[in-house]
All heavy atoms as atom14 arrays in JSON, in Angstrom:
{
  "sequence": "DPFVGRILTGRVESGHVKVGQTVQAISRIGQKIEQFR",
  "atom14_mask": [
    [1, 1, 1, 1, 1, 1, 1, 1, 0, 0, 0, 0, 0, 0],
    [1, 1, 1, 1, 1, 1, 1, 0, 0, 0, 0, 0, 0, 0],
    [1, 1, 1, 1, 1, 1, 1, 1, 1, 1, 1, 0, 0, 0],
    [1, 1, 1, 1, 1, 1, 1, 0, 0, 0, 0, 0, 0, 0],
    [1, 1, 1, 1, 0, 0, 0, 0, 0, 0, 0, 0, 0, 0],
    [1, 1, 1, 1, 1, 1, 1, 1, 1, 1, 1, 0, 0, 0],
    [1, 1, 1, 1, 1, 1, 1, 1, 0, 0, 0, 0, 0, 0],
    [1, 1, 1, 1, 1, 1, 1, 1, 0, 0, 0, 0, 0, 0],
    [1, 1, 1, 1, 1, 1, 1, 0, 0, 0, 0, 0, 0, 0],
    [1, 1, 1, 1, 0, 0, 0, 0, 0, 0, 0, 0, 0, 0],
    [1, 1, 1, 1, 1, 1, 1, 1, 1, 1, 1, 0, 0, 0],
    [1, 1, 1, 1, 1, 1, 1, 0, 0, 0, 0, 0, 0, 0],
    [1, 1, 1, 1, 1, 1, 1, 1, 1, 0, 0, 0, 0, 0],
    [1, 1, 1, 1, 1, 1, 0, 0, 0, 0, 0, 0, 0, 0],
    [1, 1, 1, 1, 0, 0, 0, 0, 0, 0, 0, 0, 0, 0],
    [1, 1, 1, 1, 1, 1, 1, 1, 1, 1, 0, 0, 0, 0],
    [1, 1, 1, 1, 1, 1, 1, 0, 0, 0, 0, 0, 0, 0],
    [1, 1, 1, 1, 1, 1, 1, 1, 1, 0, 0, 0, 0, 0],
    [1, 1, 1, 1, 1, 1, 1, 0, 0, 0, 0, 0, 0, 0],
    [1, 1, 1, 1, 0, 0, 0, 0, 0, 0, 0, 0, 0, 0],
    [1, 1, 1, 1, 1, 1, 1, 1, 1, 0, 0, 0, 0, 0],
    [1, 1, 1, 1, 1, 1, 1, 0, 0, 0, 0, 0, 0, 0],
    [1, 1, 1, 1, 1, 1, 1, 0, 0, 0, 0, 0, 0, 0],
    [1, 1, 1, 1, 1, 1, 1, 1, 1, 0, 0, 0, 0, 0],
    [1, 1, 1, 1, 1, 0, 0, 0, 0, 0, 0, 0, 0, 0],
    [1, 1, 1, 1, 1, 1, 1, 1, 0, 0, 0, 0, 0, 0],
    [1, 1, 1, 1, 1, 1, 0, 0, 0, 0, 0, 0, 0, 0],
    [1, 1, 1, 1, 1, 1, 1, 1, 1, 1, 1, 0, 0, 0],
    [1, 1, 1, 1, 1, 1, 1, 1, 0, 0, 0, 0, 0, 0],
    [1, 1, 1, 1, 0, 0, 0, 0, 0, 0, 0, 0, 0, 0],
    [1, 1, 1, 1, 1, 1, 1, 1, 1, 0, 0, 0, 0, 0],
    [1, 1, 1, 1, 1, 1, 1, 1, 1, 0, 0, 0, 0, 0],
    [1, 1, 1, 1, 1, 1, 1, 1, 0, 0, 0, 0, 0, 0],
    [1, 1, 1, 1, 1, 1, 1, 1, 1, 0, 0, 0, 0, 0],
    [1, 1, 1, 1, 1, 1, 1, 1, 1, 0, 0, 0, 0, 0],
    [1, 1, 1, 1, 1, 1, 1, 1, 1, 1, 1, 0, 0, 0],
    [1, 1, 1, 1, 1, 1, 1, 1, 1, 1, 1, 0, 0, 0]
  ],
  "atom14_positions": [
    [[-9.46, -0.37, -11.22], [-9.68, 0.75, -12.15], [-8.92, 0.41, -13.43], [-7.77, -0.03, -13.37], [-9.13, 2.04, -11.51], [-9.37, 3.25, -12.39], [-8.63, 3.38, -13.39], [-10.26, 4.05, -12.09], [0.0, 0.0, 0.0], [0.0, 0.0, 0.0], [0.0, 0.0, 0.0], [0.0, 0.0, 0.0], [0.0, 0.0, 0.0], [0.0, 0.0, 0.0]],
    [[-9.55, 0.6, -14.62], [-8.87, 0.22, -15.85], [-7.57, 1.0, -16.1], [-6.71, 0.55, -16.82], [-9.91, 0.52, -16.94], [-10.96, 1.36, -16.31], [-10.92, 1.07, -14.86], [0.0, 0.0, 0.0], [0.0, 0.0, 0.0], [0.0, 0.0, 0.0], [0.0, 0.0, 0.0], [0.0, 0.0, 0.0], [0.0, 0.0, 0.0], [0.0, 0.0, 0.0]],
    [[-7.42, 2.18, -15.49], [-6.24, 3.02, -15.73], [-5.14, 2.81, -14.7], [-3.97, 2.76, -15.04], [-6.64, 4.51, -15.78], [-7.68, 4.79, -16.82], [-8.99, 5.07, -16.46], [-7.36, 4.73, -18.17], [-9.96, 5.3, -17.42], [-8.32, 4.96, -19.14], [-9.62, 5.26, -18.78], [0.0, 0.0, 0.0], [0.0, 0.0, 0.0], [0.0, 0.0, 0.0]],
    [[-5.52, 2.71, -13.43], [-4.48, 2.61, -12.38], [-4.38, 1.22, -11.75], [-3.52, 0.99, -10.92], [-4.69, 3.68, -11.27], [-4.57, 5.07, -11.82], [-6.02, 3.49, -10.54], [0.0, 0.0, 0.0], [0.0, 0.0, 0.0], [0.0, 0.0, 0.0], [0.0, 0.0, 0.0], [0.0, 0.0, 0.0], [0.0, 0.0, 0.0], [0.0, 0.0, 0.0]],
    [[-5.23, 0.28, -12.16], [-5.16, -1.09, -11.63], [-5.83, -1.24, -10.28], [-6.87, -0.64, -10.02], [0.0, 0.0, 0.0], [0.0, 0.0, 0.0], [0.0, 0.0, 0.0], [0.0, 0.0, 0.0], [0.0, 0.0, 0.0], [0.0, 0.0, 0.0], [0.0, 0.0, 0.0], [0.0, 0.0, 0.0], [0.0, 0.0, 0.0], [0.0, 0.0, 0.0]],
    [[-5.22, -2.06, -9.4], [-5.81, -2.33, -8.08], [-5.89, -1.08, -7.23], [-4.98, -0.26, -7.23], [-4.95, -3.36, -7.33], [-5.08, -4.76, -7.83], [-4.02, -5.62, -7.17], [-4.52, -6.32, -6.01], [-5.15, -7.48, -6.05], [-5.38, -8.06, -7.2], [-5.56, -8.06, -4.95], [0.0, 0.0, 0.0], [0.0, 0.0, 0.0], [0.0, 0.0, 0.0]],
    [[-6.99, -0.98, -6.47], [-7.16, 0.15, -5.55], [-7.55, -0.43, -4.19], [-8.48, -1.23, -4.11], [-8.28, 1.1, -6.03], [-7.9, 1.73, -7.37], [-8.56, 2.18, -5.0], [-9.02, 2.51, -8.01], [0.0, 0.0, 0.0], [0.0, 0.0, 0.0], [0.0, 0.0, 0.0], [0.0, 0.0, 0.0], [0.0, 0.0, 0.0], [0.0, 0.0, 0.0]],
    [[-6.83, -0.04, -3.15], [-7.17, -0.51, -1.8], [-7.6, 0.69, -0.95], [-6.96, 1.74, -0.96], [-5.96, -1.18, -1.15], [-5.6, -2.56, -1.71], [-4.26, -3.02, -1.18], [-6.67, -3.58, -1.38], [0.0, 0.0, 0.0], [0.0, 0.0, 0.0], [0.0, 0.0, 0.0], [0.0, 0.0, 0.0], [0.0, 0.0, 0.0], [0.0, 0.0, 0.0]],
    [[-8.74, 0.51, -0.25], [-9.26, 1.58, 0.59], [-9.13, 1.18, 2.06], [-9.32, 0.01, 2.4], [-10.75, 1.83, 0.26], [-10.85, 2.14, -1.13], [-11.33, 2.98, 1.06], [0.0, 0.0, 0.0], [0.0, 0.0, 0.0], [0.0, 0.0, 0.0], [0.0, 0.0, 0.0], [0.0, 0.0, 0.0], [0.0, 0.0, 0.0], [0.0, 0.0, 0.0]],
    [[-8.82, 2.15, 2.9], [-8.73, 1.88, 4.33], [-8.49, 3.16, 5.09], [-8.46, 4.26, 4.51], [0.0, 0.0, 0.0], [0.0, 0.0, 0.0], [0.0, 0.0, 0.0], [0.0, 0.0, 0.0], [0.0, 0.0, 0.0], [0.0, 0.0, 0.0], [0.0, 0.0, 0.0], [0.0, 0.0, 0.0], [0.0, 0.0, 0.0], [0.0, 0.0, 0.0]],
    [[-8.3, 3.02, 6.4], [-8.03, 4.19, 7.24], [-6.54, 4.19, 7.6], [-5.99, 3.16, 7.97], [-8.87, 4.13, 8.51], [-8.56, 5.29, 9.47], [-9.51, 5.34, 10.61], [-9.46, 4.14, 11.44], [-10.22, 3.95, 12.52], [-11.09, 4.88, 12.87], [-10.14, 2.85, 13.23], [0.0, 0.0, 0.0], [0.0, 0.0, 0.0], [0.0, 0.0, 0.0]],
    [[-5.91, 5.36, 7.48], [-4.5, 5.49, 7.85], [-4.41, 5.4, 9.38], [-5.01, 6.21, 10.09], [-3.91, 6.83, 7.34], [-2.44, 6.94, 7.71], [-4.09, 6.95, 5.82], [0.0, 0.0, 0.0], [0.0, 0.0, 0.0], [0.0, 0.0, 0.0], [0.0, 0.0, 0.0], [0.0, 0.0, 0.0], [0.0, 0.0, 0.0], [0.0, 0.0, 0.0]],
    [[-3.69, 4.38, 9.86], [-3.62, 4.14, 11.31], [-2.53, 4.99, 11.98], [-2.66, 5.34, 13.14], [-3.34, 2.65, 11.58], [-4.48, 1.72, 11.17], [-5.73, 1.9, 12.0], [-5.62, 2.16, 13.21], [-6.83, 1.8, 11.44], [0.0, 0.0, 0.0], [0.0, 0.0, 0.0], [0.0, 0.0, 0.0], [0.0, 0.0, 0.0], [0.0, 0.0, 0.0]],
    [[-1.46, 5.27, 11.24], [-0.39, 6.09, 11.84], [0.44, 6.75, 10.74], [0.47, 6.27, 9.61], [0.52, 5.24, 12.74], [1.17, 4.25, 11.97], [0.0, 0.0, 0.0], [0.0, 0.0, 0.0], [0.0, 0.0, 0.0], [0.0, 0.0, 0.0], [0.0, 0.0, 0.0], [0.0, 0.0, 0.0], [0.0, 0.0, 0.0], [0.0, 0.0, 0.0]],
    [[1.1, 7.86, 11.09], [1.99, 8.54, 10.17], [1.28, 9.24, 9.03], [0.07, 9.47, 9.08], [0.0, 0.0, 0.0], [0.0, 0.0, 0.0], [0.0, 0.0, 0.0], [0.0, 0.0, 0.0], [0.0, 0.0, 0.0], [0.0, 0.0, 0.0], [0.0, 0.0, 0.0], [0.0, 0.0, 0.0], [0.0, 0.0, 0.0], [0.0, 0.0, 0.0]],
    [[2.06, 9.58, 7.97], [1.43, 10.14, 6.78], [2.16, 9.62, 5.55], [3.28, 9.09, 5.63], [1.39, 11.68, 6.81], [2.61, 12.32, 7.35], [3.74, 12.53, 6.61], [2.89, 12.78, 8.6], [4.66, 13.11, 7.35], [4.18, 13.27, 8.57], [0.0, 0.0, 0.0], [0.0, 0.0, 0.0], [0.0, 0.0, 0.0], [0.0, 0.0, 0.0]],
    [[1.52, 9.75, 4.4], [2.06, 9.17, 3.17], [1.81, 10.12, 2.01], [0.79, 10.82, 1.98], [1.42, 7.78, 2.92], [-0.06, 7.88, 2.61], [2.14, 7.03, 1.81], [0.0, 0.0, 0.0], [0.0, 0.0, 0.0], [0.0, 0.0, 0.0], [0.0, 0.0, 0.0], [0.0, 0.0, 0.0], [0.0, 0.0, 0.0], [0.0, 0.0, 0.0]],
    [[2.77, 10.18, 1.05], [2.65, 11.06, -0.1], [2.64, 10.26, -1.4], [3.18, 9.14, -1.44], [3.84, 12.04, -0.13], [3.82, 13.06, 0.98], [4.99, 14.01, 0.84], [4.95, 15.08, 1.93], [6.11, 15.94, 1.91], [0.0, 0.0, 0.0], [0.0, 0.0, 0.0], [0.0, 0.0, 0.0], [0.0, 0.0, 0.0], [0.0, 0.0, 0.0]],
    [[2.08, 10.86, -2.45], [2.13, 10.24, -3.78], [3.6, 10.13, -4.19], [4.39, 11.06, -3.99], [1.34, 11.09, -4.81], [1.51, 10.54, -6.21], [-0.13, 11.15, -4.43], [0.0, 0.0, 0.0], [0.0, 0.0, 0.0], [0.0, 0.0, 0.0], [0.0, 0.0, 0.0], [0.0, 0.0, 0.0], [0.0, 0.0, 0.0], [0.0, 0.0, 0.0]],
    [[3.99, 8.98, -4.78], [5.37, 8.78, -5.22], [6.24, 8.1, -4.18], [7.35, 7.65, -4.47], [0.0, 0.0, 0.0], [0.0, 0.0, 0.0], [0.0, 0.0, 0.0], [0.0, 0.0, 0.0], [0.0, 0.0, 0.0], [0.0, 0.0, 0.0], [0.0, 0.0, 0.0], [0.0, 0.0, 0.0], [0.0, 0.0, 0.0], [0.0, 0.0, 0.0]],
    [[5.73, 7.98, -2.94], [6.52, 7.34, -1.86], [6.57, 5.83, -2.09], [5.61, 5.23, -2.56], [5.85, 7.65, -0.52], [6.64, 7.21, 0.69], [5.96, 7.71, 1.98], [5.35, 8.78, 2.01], [6.07, 6.94, 3.05], [0.0, 0.0, 0.0], [0.0, 0.0, 0.0], [0.0, 0.0, 0.0], [0.0, 0.0, 0.0], [0.0, 0.0, 0.0]],
    [[7.71, 5.22, -1.76], [7.82, 3.75, -1.86], [7.38, 3.14, -0.54], [7.87, 3.51, 0.53], [9.27, 3.34, -2.19], [9.64, 3.94, -3.43], [9.38, 1.82, -2.32], [0.0, 0.0, 0.0], [0.0, 0.0, 0.0], [0.0, 0.0, 0.0], [0.0, 0.0, 0.0], [0.0, 0.0, 0.0], [0.0, 0.0, 0.0], [0.0, 0.0, 0.0]],
    [[6.41, 2.21, -0.63], [5.87, 1.55, 0.57], [5.86, 0.04, 0.32], [6.21, -0.43, -0.75], [4.43, 2.04, 0.9], [4.43, 3.49, 1.31], [3.48, 1.82, -0.27], [0.0, 0.0, 0.0], [0.0, 0.0, 0.0], [0.0, 0.0, 0.0], [0.0, 0.0, 0.0], [0.0, 0.0, 0.0], [0.0, 0.0, 0.0], [0.0, 0.0, 0.0]],
    [[5.45, -0.72, 1.34], [5.38, -2.17, 1.18], [4.04, -2.69, 1.67], [3.31, -1.99, 2.39], [6.52, -2.84, 1.94], [6.42, -2.61, 3.46], [7.43, -3.42, 4.24], [8.05, -4.34, 3.73], [7.6, -3.08, 5.53], [0.0, 0.0, 0.0], [0.0, 0.0, 0.0], [0.0, 0.0, 0.0], [0.0, 0.0, 0.0], [0.0, 0.0, 0.0]],
    [[3.71, -3.92, 1.26], [2.51, -4.59, 1.75], [2.94, -5.84, 2.49], [3.75, -6.62, 1.97], [1.6, -4.96, 0.59], [0.0, 0.0, 0.0], [0.0, 0.0, 0.0], [0.0, 0.0, 0.0], [0.0, 0.0, 0.0], [0.0, 0.0, 0.0], [0.0, 0.0, 0.0], [0.0, 0.0, 0.0], [0.0, 0.0, 0.0], [0.0, 0.0, 0.0]],
    [[2.41, -6.02, 3.73], [2.71, -7.25, 4.47], [1.4, -7.94, 4.84], [0.38, -7.29, 5.05], [3.59, -7.0, 5.71], [3.0, -5.93, 6.63], [5.0, -6.63, 5.33], [3.82, -5.7, 7.91], [0.0, 0.0, 0.0], [0.0, 0.0, 0.0], [0.0, 0.0, 0.0], [0.0, 0.0, 0.0], [0.0, 0.0, 0.0], [0.0, 0.0, 0.0]],
    [[1.42, -9.27, 4.89], [0.21, -10.06, 5.12], [-0.15, -10.08, 6.61], [0.62, -9.59, 7.44], [0.4, -11.49, 4.61], [1.32, -12.16, 5.47], [0.0, 0.0, 0.0], [0.0, 0.0, 0.0], [0.0, 0.0, 0.0], [0.0, 0.0, 0.0], [0.0, 0.0, 0.0], [0.0, 0.0, 0.0], [0.0, 0.0, 0.0], [0.0, 0.0, 0.0]],
    [[-1.3, -10.71, 6.93], [-1.76, -10.8, 8.32], [-0.75, -11.51, 9.22], [-0.71, -11.28, 10.41], [-3.09, -11.56, 8.38], [-4.27, -10.78, 7.87], [-5.54, -11.61, 7.87], [-5.89, -12.07, 9.2], [-6.09, -13.34, 9.51], [-6.0, -14.27, 8.61], [-6.41, -13.66, 10.75], [0.0, 0.0, 0.0], [0.0, 0.0, 0.0], [0.0, 0.0, 0.0]],
    [[0.06, -12.41, 8.61], [1.03, -13.17, 9.44], [2.43, -12.56, 9.35], [3.41, -13.16, 9.8], [1.04, -14.67, 9.05], [1.28, -14.84, 7.56], [-0.24, -15.34, 9.47], [1.5, -16.28, 7.14], [0.0, 0.0, 0.0], [0.0, 0.0, 0.0], [0.0, 0.0, 0.0], [0.0, 0.0, 0.0], [0.0, 0.0, 0.0], [0.0, 0.0, 0.0]],
    [[2.54, -11.36, 8.73], [3.81, -10.64, 8.74], [4.73, -10.91, 7.56], [5.88, -10.46, 7.56], [0.0, 0.0, 0.0], [0.0, 0.0, 0.0], [0.0, 0.0, 0.0], [0.0, 0.0, 0.0], [0.0, 0.0, 0.0], [0.0, 0.0, 0.0], [0.0, 0.0, 0.0], [0.0, 0.0, 0.0], [0.0, 0.0, 0.0], [0.0, 0.0, 0.0]],
    [[4.27, -11.67, 6.55], [5.12, -11.93, 5.38], [5.07, -10.75, 4.42], [3.99, -10.19, 4.18], [4.62, -13.17, 4.63], [4.96, -14.47, 5.33], [4.41, -15.67, 4.57], [3.38, -15.58, 3.93], [5.11, -16.79, 4.65], [0.0, 0.0, 0.0], [0.0, 0.0, 0.0], [0.0, 0.0, 0.0], [0.0, 0.0, 0.0], [0.0, 0.0, 0.0]],
    [[6.22, -10.38, 3.85], [6.27, -9.28, 2.88], [5.69, -9.76, 1.56], [6.11, -10.78, 1.02], [7.7, -8.81, 2.7], [7.81, -7.6, 1.79], [9.21, -6.99, 1.83], [9.33, -5.86, 0.83], [10.63, -5.22, 0.87], [0.0, 0.0, 0.0], [0.0, 0.0, 0.0], [0.0, 0.0, 0.0], [0.0, 0.0, 0.0], [0.0, 0.0, 0.0]],
    [[4.69, -9.04, 1.04], [4.04, -9.44, -0.21], [4.67, -8.73, -1.4], [5.0, -9.34, -2.4], [2.52, -9.13, -0.14], [1.88, -9.96, 0.97], [1.83, -9.41, -1.47], [0.52, -9.5, 1.39], [0.0, 0.0, 0.0], [0.0, 0.0, 0.0], [0.0, 0.0, 0.0], [0.0, 0.0, 0.0], [0.0, 0.0, 0.0], [0.0, 0.0, 0.0]],
    [[4.86, -7.42, -1.28], [5.47, -6.66, -2.37], [5.9, -5.28, -1.88], [5.45, -4.81, -0.83], [4.49, -6.51, -3.55], [3.24, -5.73, -3.22], [2.34, -5.51, -4.44], [2.85, -5.37, -5.56], [1.1, -5.47, -4.24], [0.0, 0.0, 0.0], [0.0, 0.0, 0.0], [0.0, 0.0, 0.0], [0.0, 0.0, 0.0], [0.0, 0.0, 0.0]],
    [[6.78, -4.68, -2.67], [7.2, -3.3, -2.43], [6.8, -2.51, -3.67], [7.0, -3.0, -4.79], [8.72, -3.27, -2.23], [9.28, -1.91, -1.82], [10.75, -2.02, -1.44], [11.15, -2.94, -0.74], [11.56, -1.1, -1.92], [0.0, 0.0, 0.0], [0.0, 0.0, 0.0], [0.0, 0.0, 0.0], [0.0, 0.0, 0.0], [0.0, 0.0, 0.0]],
    [[6.22, -1.33, -3.5], [5.74, -0.6, -4.69], [5.74, 0.9, -4.42], [5.86, 1.35, -3.28], [4.33, -1.08, -5.09], [3.29, -0.88, -4.02], [2.51, 0.27, -3.97], [3.08, -1.86, -3.04], [1.56, 0.45, -2.98], [2.13, -1.68, -2.04], [1.36, -0.52, -2.02], [0.0, 0.0, 0.0], [0.0, 0.0, 0.0], [0.0, 0.0, 0.0]],
    [[5.59, 1.66, -5.52], [5.55, 3.12, -5.43], [4.1, 3.56, -5.54], [3.38, 3.11, -6.44], [6.37, 3.7, -6.59], [6.7, 5.17, -6.42], [7.65, 5.63, -7.53], [7.22, 6.95, -7.99], [6.37, 7.14, -8.99], [5.85, 6.13, -9.63], [6.03, 8.36, -9.34], [0.0, 0.0, 0.0], [0.0, 0.0, 0.0], [0.0, 0.0, 0.0]]
  ]
}
């Protein structure tokens, strides 16, 4: 999206998440890719 950048779509597998929360992305082999808000 030209305003918010990358957008990832998927199904929430567990828990819940709010806007503004800090989360992380990890790869298929378990490596940490980035931490973001």
